[in-house]
Amino acid sequence: MTASSTHFTILLGGDAEPTPRLGRQIAGSRVIAADSGMRHAGPLGLVPELWTGDFDSVDAVLDAAHPDIAREIFPPAKDMTDGEIAVEAALARGATSLTLVGAFGGPRADHAFLHLALGVRLAERGLSILLTSGTQEGVPLLEGVRRLDYLAGTVFSVVAMTDLAGLTLEGVRWPLEKRYVPFGSSLTLSNEVTGDLTVQLTSGRAILIAHPSGQ
């Protein structure tokens, strides 16, 4: 890792499993922990350069385990989640690529949904975004062509965040060609990679959620 790296890992409060694939994805990145997301640092072998948030989910054991990490503490009554505060701190440090670890699961479904929407918004700003728990991943989909490195047999879904126009899926068990997919449709759930996964979208916003077991 170098101080000039523009790839940041953000440790969020959801569940995370230290898989080999996740280890490769975050190698060499700079790290910022959001509130209880600090609990992922040890299992992932990471030392954050900043620990931020309101610390309302940090217990005494976690607090005492990391006395030397720089902290930026916010009041509980604030206009952003701890995760968004951590993302903004990374952007202020020049981030162009973000891996959001712990973006799924945990006790707050509203936070998980916010992370998905935030991922799309950040992608719209031109950042490279990956949301991950180690066992499942989320990749924002915007207009254009996207090629993804998932192995054959990987189960994935395309979750529309808006109406989708011109959705094409290649290298999959159930291909689509220039399909219209309305927001809320289940058409694009539970597909499977069979070859080189390519996604093309004419207009709309979506998240591709994959389960790359064993990769």
C-alpha atoms as a PDB file:
ATOM      1  CA  MET A   1       0.000   0.000   0.000  1.00  0.00           C
ATOM      2  CA  THR A   2       1.172   3.539  -0.763  1.00  0.00           C
ATOM      3  CA  ALA A   3      -0.149   6.769   0.665  1.00  0.00           C
ATOM      4  CA  SER A   4      -0.876   7.954  -2.901  1.00  0.00           C
ATOM      5  CA  SER A   5      -3.189   5.027  -3.688  1.00  0.00           C
ATOM      6  CA  THR A   6      -6.600   6.072  -4.981  1.00  0.00           C
ATOM      7  CA  HIS A   7      -8.233   2.702  -4.223  1.00  0.00           C
ATOM      8  CA  PHE A   8      -9.932   2.788  -0.826  1.00  0.00           C
ATOM      9  CA  THR A   9     -11.578   0.042   1.167  1.00  0.00           C
ATOM     10  CA  ILE A  10     -14.445   1.260   3.360  1.00  0.00           C
ATOM     11  CA  LEU A  11     -15.292  -1.010   6.291  1.00  0.00           C
ATOM     12  CA  LEU A  12     -19.038  -0.866   6.956  1.00  0.00           C
ATOM     13  CA  GLY A  13     -21.172  -2.379   9.693  1.00  0.00           C
ATOM     14  CA  GLY A  14     -22.760  -5.272   7.777  1.00  0.00           C
ATOM     15  CA  ASP A  15     -21.521  -8.853   7.683  1.00  0.00           C
ATOM     16  CA  ALA A  16     -18.206  -9.690   6.001  1.00  0.00           C
ATOM     17  CA  GLU A  17     -16.291 -12.918   5.460  1.00  0.00           C
ATOM     18  CA  PRO A  18     -12.536 -12.834   4.705  1.00  0.00           C
ATOM     19  CA  THR A  19     -12.483 -14.890   1.501  1.00  0.00           C
ATOM     20  CA  PRO A  20      -9.419 -15.219  -0.784  1.00  0.00           C
ATOM     21  CA  ARG A  21     -11.243 -13.271  -3.516  1.00  0.00           C
ATOM     22  CA  LEU A  22     -11.961 -10.407  -1.123  1.00  0.00           C
ATOM     23  CA  GLY A  23      -8.320 -10.429  -0.041  1.00  0.00           C
ATOM     24  CA  ARG A  24      -7.218  -9.956  -3.647  1.00  0.00           C
ATOM     25  CA  GLN A  25      -9.773  -7.212  -4.235  1.00  0.00           C
ATOM     26  CA  ILE A  26      -8.608  -5.054  -1.327  1.00  0.00           C
ATOM     27  CA  ALA A  27      -4.862  -5.719  -1.603  1.00  0.00           C
ATOM     28  CA  GLY A  28      -2.877  -2.490  -1.655  1.00  0.00           C
ATOM     29  CA  SER A  29      -5.833  -0.256  -0.876  1.00  0.00           C
ATOM     30  CA  ARG A  30      -6.049   2.461   1.717  1.00  0.00           C
ATOM     31  CA  VAL A  31      -8.623   1.782   4.438  1.00  0.00           C
ATOM     32  CA  ILE A  32     -11.212   3.814   6.328  1.00  0.00           C
ATOM     33  CA  ALA A  33     -13.459   2.220   8.948  1.00  0.00           C
ATOM     34  CA  ALA A  34     -16.989   3.423   9.651  1.00  0.00           C
ATOM     35  CA  ASP A  35     -18.140   2.914  13.245  1.00  0.00           C
ATOM     36  CA  SER A  36     -18.530  -0.841  13.994  1.00  0.00           C
ATOM     37  CA  GLY A  37     -17.037  -1.679  10.585  1.00  0.00           C
ATOM     38  CA  MET A  38     -13.716  -1.575  12.431  1.00  0.00           C
ATOM     39  CA  ARG A  39     -14.412  -5.130  13.608  1.00  0.00           C
ATOM     40  CA  HIS A  40     -13.586  -6.353  10.081  1.00  0.00           C
ATOM     41  CA  ALA A  41     -10.070  -4.869  10.139  1.00  0.00           C
ATOM     42  CA  GLY A  42      -8.433  -7.659  12.141  1.00  0.00           C
ATOM     43  CA  PRO A  43      -9.900 -10.647  10.240  1.00  0.00           C
ATOM     44  CA  LEU A  44      -9.002  -8.966   6.933  1.00  0.00           C
ATOM     45  CA  GLY A  45      -5.489  -8.039   8.076  1.00  0.00           C
ATOM     46  CA  LEU A  46      -6.111  -4.317   7.582  1.00  0.00           C
ATOM     47  CA  VAL A  47      -4.966  -1.237   9.480  1.00  0.00           C
ATOM     48  CA  PRO A  48      -7.257   1.717   8.719  1.00  0.00           C
ATOM     49  CA  GLU A  49      -5.772   5.162   8.414  1.00  0.00           C
ATOM     50  CA  LEU A  50      -9.005   6.636   9.795  1.00  0.00           C
ATOM     51  CA  TRP A  51     -11.862   5.477  12.005  1.00  0.00           C
ATOM     52  CA  THR A  52     -14.932   7.681  11.702  1.00  0.00           C
ATOM     53  CA  GLY A  53     -18.612   7.913  12.597  1.00  0.00           C
ATOM     54  CA  ASP A  54     -20.594   8.566  15.752  1.00  0.00           C
ATOM     55  CA  PHE A  55     -19.233   5.411  17.493  1.00  0.00           C
ATOM     56  CA  ASP A  56     -22.666   4.522  18.840  1.00  0.00           C
ATOM     57  CA  SER A  57     -22.167   0.877  17.748  1.00  0.00           C
ATOM     58  CA  VAL A  58     -18.626   0.538  19.098  1.00  0.00           C
ATOM     59  CA  ASP A  59     -18.359  -1.469  22.299  1.00  0.00           C
ATOM     60  CA  ALA A  60     -15.600  -1.120  24.873  1.00  0.00           C
ATOM     61  CA  VAL A  61     -13.680  -4.171  23.622  1.00  0.00           C
ATOM     62  CA  LEU A  62     -13.511  -2.917  20.027  1.00  0.00           C
ATOM     63  CA  ASP A  63     -12.658   0.578  21.231  1.00  0.00           C
ATOM     64  CA  ALA A  64      -9.780  -0.649  23.377  1.00  0.00           C
ATOM     65  CA  ALA A  65      -8.404  -2.917  20.647  1.00  0.00           C
ATOM     66  CA  HIS A  66      -7.517  -0.035  18.334  1.00  0.00           C
ATOM     67  CA  PRO A  67      -6.086   2.803  20.445  1.00  0.00           C
ATOM     68  CA  ASP A  68      -3.663   4.057  17.786  1.00  0.00           C
ATOM     69  CA  ILE A  69      -6.039   4.565  14.846  1.00  0.00           C
ATOM     70  CA  ALA A  70      -6.786   8.205  14.023  1.00  0.00           C
ATOM     71  CA  ARG A  71     -10.410   9.024  14.820  1.00  0.00           C
ATOM     72  CA  GLU A  72     -12.924  11.532  13.543  1.00  0.00           C
ATOM     73  CA  ILE A  73     -16.008  11.448  15.759  1.00  0.00           C
ATOM     74  CA  PHE A  74     -19.388  12.896  14.833  1.00  0.00           C
ATOM     75  CA  PRO A  75     -22.490  13.481  16.969  1.00  0.00           C
ATOM     76  CA  PRO A  76     -25.275  10.894  16.642  1.00  0.00           C
ATOM     77  CA  ALA A  77     -27.660  13.601  15.367  1.00  0.00           C
ATOM     78  CA  LYS A  78     -26.213  14.158  11.899  1.00  0.00           C
ATOM     79  CA  ASP A  79     -27.297  14.313   8.259  1.00  0.00           C
ATOM     80  CA  MET A  80     -25.285  11.338   6.923  1.00  0.00           C
ATOM     81  CA  THR A  81     -24.780   7.721   7.929  1.00  0.00           C
ATOM     82  CA  ASP A  82     -21.388   6.654   9.261  1.00  0.00           C
ATOM     83  CA  GLY A  83     -20.798   4.823   5.984  1.00  0.00           C
ATOM     84  CA  GLU A  84     -21.424   7.897   3.871  1.00  0.00           C
ATOM     85  CA  ILE A  85     -19.150   9.925   6.148  1.00  0.00           C
ATOM     86  CA  ALA A  86     -16.383   7.355   5.564  1.00  0.00           C
ATOM     87  CA  VAL A  87     -16.956   7.487   1.806  1.00  0.00           C
ATOM     88  CA  GLU A  88     -16.749  11.285   1.817  1.00  0.00           C
ATOM     89  CA  ALA A  89     -13.485  11.065   3.778  1.00  0.00           C
ATOM     90  CA  ALA A  90     -12.080   8.746   1.101  1.00  0.00           C
ATOM     91  CA  LEU A  91     -13.189  11.084  -1.685  1.00  0.00           C
ATOM     92  CA  ALA A  92     -11.520  13.998   0.093  1.00  0.00           C
ATOM     93  CA  ARG A  93      -8.302  11.941   0.035  1.00  0.00           C
ATOM     94  CA  GLY A  94      -8.510  11.456  -3.723  1.00  0.00           C
ATOM     95  CA  ALA A  95     -10.344   8.121  -4.016  1.00  0.00           C
ATOM     96  CA  THR A  96     -11.266   7.025  -7.540  1.00  0.00           C
ATOM     97  CA  SER A  97     -12.090   3.410  -6.646  1.00  0.00           C
ATOM     98  CA  LEU A  98     -14.051   2.186  -3.619  1.00  0.00           C
ATOM     99  CA  THR A  99     -14.588  -1.304  -2.242  1.00  0.00           C
ATOM    100  CA  LEU A 100     -17.404  -1.191   0.304  1.00  0.00           C
ATOM    101  CA  VAL A 101     -16.899  -4.147   2.652  1.00  0.00           C
ATOM    102  CA  GLY A 102     -19.852  -5.086   4.855  1.00  0.00           C
ATOM    103  CA  ALA A 103     -22.328  -3.420   2.504  1.00  0.00           C
ATOM    104  CA  PHE A 104     -24.905  -6.229   2.843  1.00  0.00           C
ATOM    105  CA  GLY A 105     -26.596  -7.910   5.777  1.00  0.00           C
ATOM    106  CA  GLY A 106     -26.506  -6.967   9.420  1.00  0.00           C
ATOM    107  CA  PRO A 107     -29.490  -5.783  11.463  1.00  0.00           C
ATOM    108  CA  ARG A 108     -30.375  -2.708   9.344  1.00  0.00           C
ATOM    109  CA  ALA A 109     -32.033  -3.412   5.998  1.00  0.00           C
ATOM    110  CA  ASP A 110     -32.398   0.338   5.451  1.00  0.00           C
ATOM    111  CA  HIS A 111     -28.631   0.771   5.659  1.00  0.00           C
ATOM    112  CA  ALA A 112     -28.084  -2.089   3.209  1.00  0.00           C
ATOM    113  CA  PHE A 113     -30.456  -0.499   0.701  1.00  0.00           C
ATOM    114  CA  LEU A 114     -28.791   2.867   1.197  1.00  0.00           C
ATOM    115  CA  HIS A 115     -25.406   1.306   0.381  1.00  0.00           C
ATOM    116  CA  LEU A 116     -26.782  -0.073  -2.894  1.00  0.00           C
ATOM    117  CA  ALA A 117     -28.216   3.311  -3.859  1.00  0.00           C
ATOM    118  CA  LEU A 118     -25.035   5.066  -2.760  1.00  0.00           C
ATOM    119  CA  GLY A 119     -23.001   2.691  -4.913  1.00  0.00           C
ATOM    120  CA  VAL A 120     -25.033   3.670  -7.978  1.00  0.00           C
ATOM    121  CA  ARG A 121     -24.716   7.376  -7.189  1.00  0.00           C
ATOM    122  CA  LEU A 122     -20.946   7.084  -6.810  1.00  0.00           C
ATOM    123  CA  ALA A 123     -20.703   5.161 -10.080  1.00  0.00           C
ATOM    124  CA  GLU A 124     -22.593   8.020 -11.764  1.00  0.00           C
ATOM    125  CA  ARG A 125     -19.784  10.292 -10.564  1.00  0.00           C
ATOM    126  CA  GLY A 126     -17.259   8.141 -12.427  1.00  0.00           C
ATOM    127  CA  LEU A 127     -15.899   6.074  -9.536  1.00  0.00           C
ATOM    128  CA  SER A 128     -15.211   2.350  -9.737  1.00  0.00           C
ATOM    129  CA  ILE A 129     -17.471   0.746  -7.108  1.00  0.00           C
ATOM    130  CA  LEU A 130     -17.681  -2.743  -5.615  1.00  0.00           C
ATOM    131  CA  LEU A 131     -19.986  -3.632  -2.733  1.00  0.00           C
ATOM    132  CA  THR A 132     -19.116  -6.891  -1.016  1.00  0.00           C
ATOM    133  CA  SER A 133     -19.592  -9.143   1.975  1.00  0.00           C
ATOM    134  CA  GLY A 134     -16.913 -11.529   0.744  1.00  0.00           C
ATOM    135  CA  THR A 135     -19.557 -14.070  -0.294  1.00  0.00           C
ATOM    136  CA  GLN A 136     -21.768 -11.780  -2.368  1.00  0.00           C
ATOM    137  CA  GLU A 137     -20.913  -8.751  -4.458  1.00  0.00           C
ATOM    138  CA  GLY A 138     -22.762  -5.793  -5.912  1.00  0.00           C
ATOM    139  CA  VAL A 139     -21.654  -3.991  -9.070  1.00  0.00           C
ATOM    140  CA  PRO A 140     -23.504  -0.843 -10.225  1.00  0.00           C
ATOM    141  CA  LEU A 141     -24.737  -0.952 -13.814  1.00  0.00           C
ATOM    142  CA  LEU A 142     -25.090   2.238 -15.856  1.00  0.00           C
ATOM    143  CA  GLU A 143     -25.479   2.819 -19.587  1.00  0.00           C
ATOM    144  CA  GLY A 144     -22.914   1.010 -21.701  1.00  0.00           C
ATOM    145  CA  VAL A 145     -21.169  -2.367 -21.751  1.00  0.00           C
ATOM    146  CA  ARG A 146     -19.751  -4.122 -18.705  1.00  0.00           C
ATOM    147  CA  ARG A 147     -17.686  -7.339 -18.727  1.00  0.00           C
ATOM    148  CA  LEU A 148     -17.351  -9.194 -15.432  1.00  0.00           C
ATOM    149  CA  ASP A 149     -14.932 -11.903 -14.316  1.00  0.00           C
ATOM    150  CA  TYR A 150     -17.288 -14.395 -12.688  1.00  0.00           C
ATOM    151  CA  LEU A 151     -16.698 -18.094 -13.270  1.00  0.00           C
ATOM    152  CA  ALA A 152     -19.194 -20.424 -14.904  1.00  0.00           C
ATOM    153  CA  GLY A 153     -21.809 -21.539 -12.376  1.00  0.00           C
ATOM    154  CA  THR A 154     -21.889 -18.205 -10.515  1.00  0.00           C
ATOM    155  CA  VAL A 155     -25.468 -17.246  -9.620  1.00  0.00           C
ATOM    156  CA  PHE A 156     -26.335 -13.582 -10.085  1.00  0.00           C
ATOM    157  CA  SER A 157     -29.276 -11.194 -10.347  1.00  0.00           C
ATOM    158  CA  VAL A 158     -29.724  -7.821 -11.963  1.00  0.00           C
ATOM    159  CA  VAL A 159     -31.750  -5.690  -9.558  1.00  0.00           C
ATOM    160  CA  ALA A 160     -33.298  -2.719 -11.314  1.00  0.00           C
ATOM    161  CA  MET A 161     -33.124   0.589  -9.454  1.00  0.00           C
ATOM    162  CA  THR A 162     -35.129   2.261 -12.260  1.00  0.00           C
ATOM    163  CA  ASP A 163     -36.868   1.040 -15.398  1.00  0.00           C
ATOM    164  CA  LEU A 164     -34.223  -0.538 -17.647  1.00  0.00           C
ATOM    165  CA  ALA A 165     -34.125  -0.205 -21.435  1.00  0.00           C
ATOM    166  CA  GLY A 166     -32.039  -2.253 -23.838  1.00  0.00           C
ATOM    167  CA  LEU A 167     -30.750  -4.775 -21.306  1.00  0.00           C
ATOM    168  CA  THR A 168     -28.599  -7.449 -22.929  1.00  0.00           C
ATOM    169  CA  LEU A 169     -27.083 -10.381 -21.018  1.00  0.00           C
ATOM    170  CA  GLU A 170     -24.553 -12.658 -22.711  1.00  0.00           C
ATOM    171  CA  GLY A 171     -22.607 -15.628 -21.373  1.00  0.00           C
ATOM    172  CA  VAL A 172     -25.499 -16.685 -19.150  1.00  0.00           C
ATOM    173  CA  ARG A 173     -28.016 -19.518 -18.888  1.00  0.00           C
ATOM    174  CA  TRP A 174     -30.941 -17.205 -19.663  1.00  0.00           C
ATOM    175  CA  PRO A 175     -29.690 -14.552 -22.086  1.00  0.00           C
ATOM    176  CA  LEU A 176     -31.540 -11.354 -22.869  1.00  0.00           C
ATOM    177  CA  GLU A 177     -31.278  -9.112 -25.895  1.00  0.00           C
ATOM    178  CA  LYS A 178     -32.258  -5.461 -25.696  1.00  0.00           C
ATOM    179  CA  ARG A 179     -35.058  -6.132 -23.220  1.00  0.00           C
ATOM    180  CA  TYR A 180     -37.112  -3.587 -21.389  1.00  0.00           C
ATOM    181  CA  VAL A 181     -37.264  -4.421 -17.660  1.00  0.00           C
ATOM    182  CA  PRO A 182     -39.623  -2.354 -15.487  1.00  0.00           C
ATOM    183  CA  PHE A 183     -38.584  -1.318 -12.016  1.00  0.00           C
ATOM    184  CA  GLY A 184     -39.709  -4.007  -9.554  1.00  0.00           C
ATOM    185  CA  SER A 185     -39.688  -6.847 -12.104  1.00  0.00           C
ATOM    186  CA  SER A 186     -38.306 -10.263 -11.080  1.00  0.00           C
ATOM    187  CA  LEU A 187     -37.350 -11.149 -14.667  1.00  0.00           C
ATOM    188  CA  THR A 188     -33.645 -10.693 -13.999  1.00  0.00           C
ATOM    189  CA  LEU A 189     -33.339 -12.573 -10.712  1.00  0.00           C
ATOM    190  CA  SER A 190     -31.352 -15.817 -10.278  1.00  0.00           C
ATOM    191  CA  ASN A 191     -29.493 -16.175 -13.558  1.00  0.00           C
ATOM    192  CA  GLU A 192     -26.265 -18.174 -13.933  1.00  0.00           C
ATOM    193  CA  VAL A 193     -22.949 -17.476 -15.634  1.00  0.00           C
ATOM    194  CA  THR A 194     -22.026 -19.955 -18.374  1.00  0.00           C
ATOM    195  CA  GLY A 195     -19.176 -18.133 -20.126  1.00  0.00           C
ATOM    196  CA  ASP A 196     -17.831 -14.586 -20.420  1.00  0.00           C
ATOM    197  CA  LEU A 197     -20.459 -12.480 -18.650  1.00  0.00           C
ATOM    198  CA  THR A 198     -21.273  -9.320 -20.593  1.00  0.00           C
ATOM    199  CA  VAL A 199     -23.975  -6.831 -19.604  1.00  0.00           C
ATOM    200  CA  GLN A 200     -25.157  -4.028 -21.853  1.00  0.00           C
ATOM    201  CA  LEU A 201     -27.661  -1.360 -20.888  1.00  0.00           C
ATOM    202  CA  THR A 202     -29.097   1.413 -23.057  1.00  0.00           C
ATOM    203  CA  SER A 203     -30.610   3.386 -20.207  1.00  0.00           C
ATOM    204  CA  GLY A 204     -31.426   2.986 -16.539  1.00  0.00           C
ATOM    205  CA  ARG A 205     -29.706   2.121 -13.287  1.00  0.00           C
ATOM    206  CA  ALA A 206     -29.265  -1.302 -11.691  1.00  0.00           C
ATOM    207  CA  ILE A 207     -27.099  -3.382  -9.368  1.00  0.00           C
ATOM    208  CA  LEU A 208     -25.733  -6.746 -10.421  1.00  0.00           C
ATOM    209  CA  ILE A 209     -25.557  -8.939  -7.321  1.00  0.00           C
ATOM    210  CA  ALA A 210     -23.411 -12.056  -7.674  1.00  0.00           C
ATOM    211  CA  HIS A 211     -22.468 -14.959  -5.419  1.00  0.00           C
ATOM    212  CA  PRO A 212     -18.919 -15.898  -6.461  1.00  0.00           C
ATOM    213  CA  SER A 213     -18.549 -19.024  -4.314  1.00  0.00           C
ATOM    214  CA  GLY A 214     -15.073 -20.573  -4.385  1.00  0.00           C
ATOM    215  CA  GLN A 215     -13.414 -17.781  -6.349  1.00  0.00           C
END
